[in-house]
Amino acid sequence: MHEDDIAVLMRALGHPVRLEILRILAQRAENCCCNDVTDCLSLAQSTVSQHLKVLLDAGVIERRSQGTRNNYCVRTDRLAAFSRAVGDYLSGLDGSDLHCDRQPAEAS
């Protein structure tokens, strides 16, 4: 996963409501529509729809049509890849591989 992909997912997951939506979807498995999520939150359906769109566009969830309903589910494969990528990326920032020519600022 490239840095751009990591950044897209971080932005999508960077809102408390979207994290709550992911939790709701994970608990309800594959048969969860927008109204089901709205019933669990004190938000308007249009707001929930917008948050679902952000998660969908980032590839964190997927939509499956069943008749007139769109059901959403978490893409666990995508989240697992994100988790590994972030772990690898952050482990590279522990300072062992970084070399900076600047000296730390002295306290005045």
Protein backbone atom coordinates (compact mmCIF):
# COMPACT_ATOMS: atom_id res chain seq x y z
CA MET A 1 0.00 0.00 0.00
CA HIS A 2 1.43 3.37 -1.03
CA GLU A 3 1.58 6.50 1.13
CA ASP A 4 -1.24 8.05 -0.91
CA ASP A 5 -3.47 5.06 -0.13
CA ILE A 6 -2.60 5.28 3.56
CA ALA A 7 -3.45 9.00 3.57
CA VAL A 8 -6.82 8.40 1.87
CA LEU A 9 -7.75 5.79 4.45
CA MET A 10 -6.55 7.96 7.34
CA ARG A 11 -8.75 10.80 6.13
CA ALA A 12 -11.73 8.47 5.79
CA LEU A 13 -11.17 7.03 9.27
CA GLY A 14 -10.33 10.41 10.79
CA HIS A 15 -13.87 11.24 11.90
CA PRO A 16 -15.51 9.81 15.04
CA VAL A 17 -18.84 9.26 13.28
CA ARG A 18 -17.20 7.21 10.54
CA LEU A 19 -15.44 5.09 13.15
CA GLU A 20 -18.80 4.52 14.85
CA ILE A 21 -20.37 3.59 11.52
CA LEU A 22 -17.62 1.02 10.96
CA ARG A 23 -18.31 -0.46 14.40
CA ILE A 24 -22.03 -0.68 13.64
CA LEU A 25 -21.41 -2.32 10.26
CA ALA A 26 -18.97 -4.81 11.76
CA GLN A 27 -21.47 -5.80 14.44
CA ARG A 28 -24.35 -6.25 12.01
CA ALA A 29 -22.40 -8.21 9.40
CA GLU A 30 -23.61 -7.88 5.80
CA ASN A 31 -27.27 -6.86 6.06
CA CYS A 32 -26.98 -3.27 7.13
CA CYS A 33 -28.51 -0.41 5.17
CA CYS A 34 -28.25 3.33 5.73
CA ASN A 35 -31.48 3.39 7.77
CA ASP A 36 -30.11 0.70 10.10
CA VAL A 37 -27.06 2.86 10.77
CA THR A 38 -29.19 5.99 11.16
CA ASP A 39 -31.33 4.20 13.77
CA CYS A 40 -28.17 3.64 15.85
CA LEU A 41 -26.99 7.26 15.64
CA SER A 42 -28.60 10.56 16.47
CA LEU A 43 -27.89 11.95 13.00
CA ALA A 44 -29.96 12.71 9.95
CA GLN A 45 -30.10 10.09 7.22
CA SER A 46 -28.44 12.51 4.80
CA THR A 47 -25.48 12.94 7.18
CA VAL A 48 -25.07 9.19 7.57
CA SER A 49 -25.26 8.81 3.77
CA GLN A 50 -22.44 11.30 3.32
CA HIS A 51 -20.25 9.47 5.84
CA LEU A 52 -21.03 6.15 4.14
CA LYS A 53 -19.99 7.70 0.82
CA VAL A 54 -16.62 8.75 2.24
CA LEU A 55 -16.02 5.24 3.58
CA LEU A 56 -17.18 3.72 0.30
CA ASP A 57 -14.96 5.99 -1.80
CA ALA A 58 -11.97 5.08 0.37
CA GLY A 59 -12.68 1.40 -0.14
CA VAL A 60 -13.24 0.72 3.56
CA ILE A 61 -16.77 -0.57 2.99
CA GLU A 62 -18.60 -2.03 0.04
CA ARG A 63 -22.18 -1.71 -1.13
CA ARG A 64 -24.35 -4.58 -2.27
CA SER A 65 -27.72 -3.99 -3.86
CA GLN A 66 -30.62 -6.14 -2.72
CA GLY A 67 -33.77 -5.07 -4.48
CA THR A 68 -34.38 -1.44 -3.57
CA ARG A 69 -31.95 -1.51 -0.63
CA ASN A 70 -28.24 -0.93 -0.57
CA ASN A 71 -26.53 -2.98 2.10
CA TYR A 72 -23.10 -2.11 3.39
CA CYS A 73 -20.37 -4.22 4.91
CA VAL A 74 -16.83 -3.65 6.12
CA ARG A 75 -14.01 -4.63 3.80
CA THR A 76 -11.89 -6.47 6.32
CA ASP A 77 -9.26 -7.24 3.69
CA ARG A 78 -8.75 -3.52 3.04
CA LEU A 79 -8.60 -2.70 6.75
CA ALA A 80 -6.11 -5.53 7.36
CA ALA A 81 -3.88 -4.23 4.54
CA PHE A 82 -4.16 -0.72 5.98
CA SER A 83 -3.24 -1.97 9.45
CA ARG A 84 -0.14 -3.74 8.11
CA ALA A 85 0.87 -0.75 6.01
CA VAL A 86 0.50 1.71 8.88
CA GLY A 87 2.41 -0.61 11.20
CA ASP A 88 5.24 -0.95 8.68
CA TYR A 89 5.25 2.77 7.97
CA LEU A 90 5.27 3.80 11.63
CA SER A 91 7.95 1.28 12.55
CA GLY A 92 10.14 3.02 9.97
CA LEU A 93 9.66 6.29 11.84
CA ASP A 94 11.06 5.05 15.15
CA GLY A 95 14.25 7.00 14.51
CA SER A 96 16.56 4.07 13.85
CA ASP A 97 16.56 4.62 10.09
CA LEU A 98 16.17 8.39 10.06
CA HIS A 99 19.14 10.67 9.76
CA CYS A 100 18.67 14.36 10.16
CA ASP A 101 21.51 16.83 9.83
CA ARG A 102 19.77 19.39 12.01
CA GLN A 103 20.74 19.59 15.62
CA PRO A 104 17.97 19.82 18.23
CA ALA A 105 17.14 23.38 19.24
CA GLU A 106 18.76 24.37 22.50
CA ALA A 107 16.52 25.39 25.36
CA SER A 108 16.80 29.07 26.18
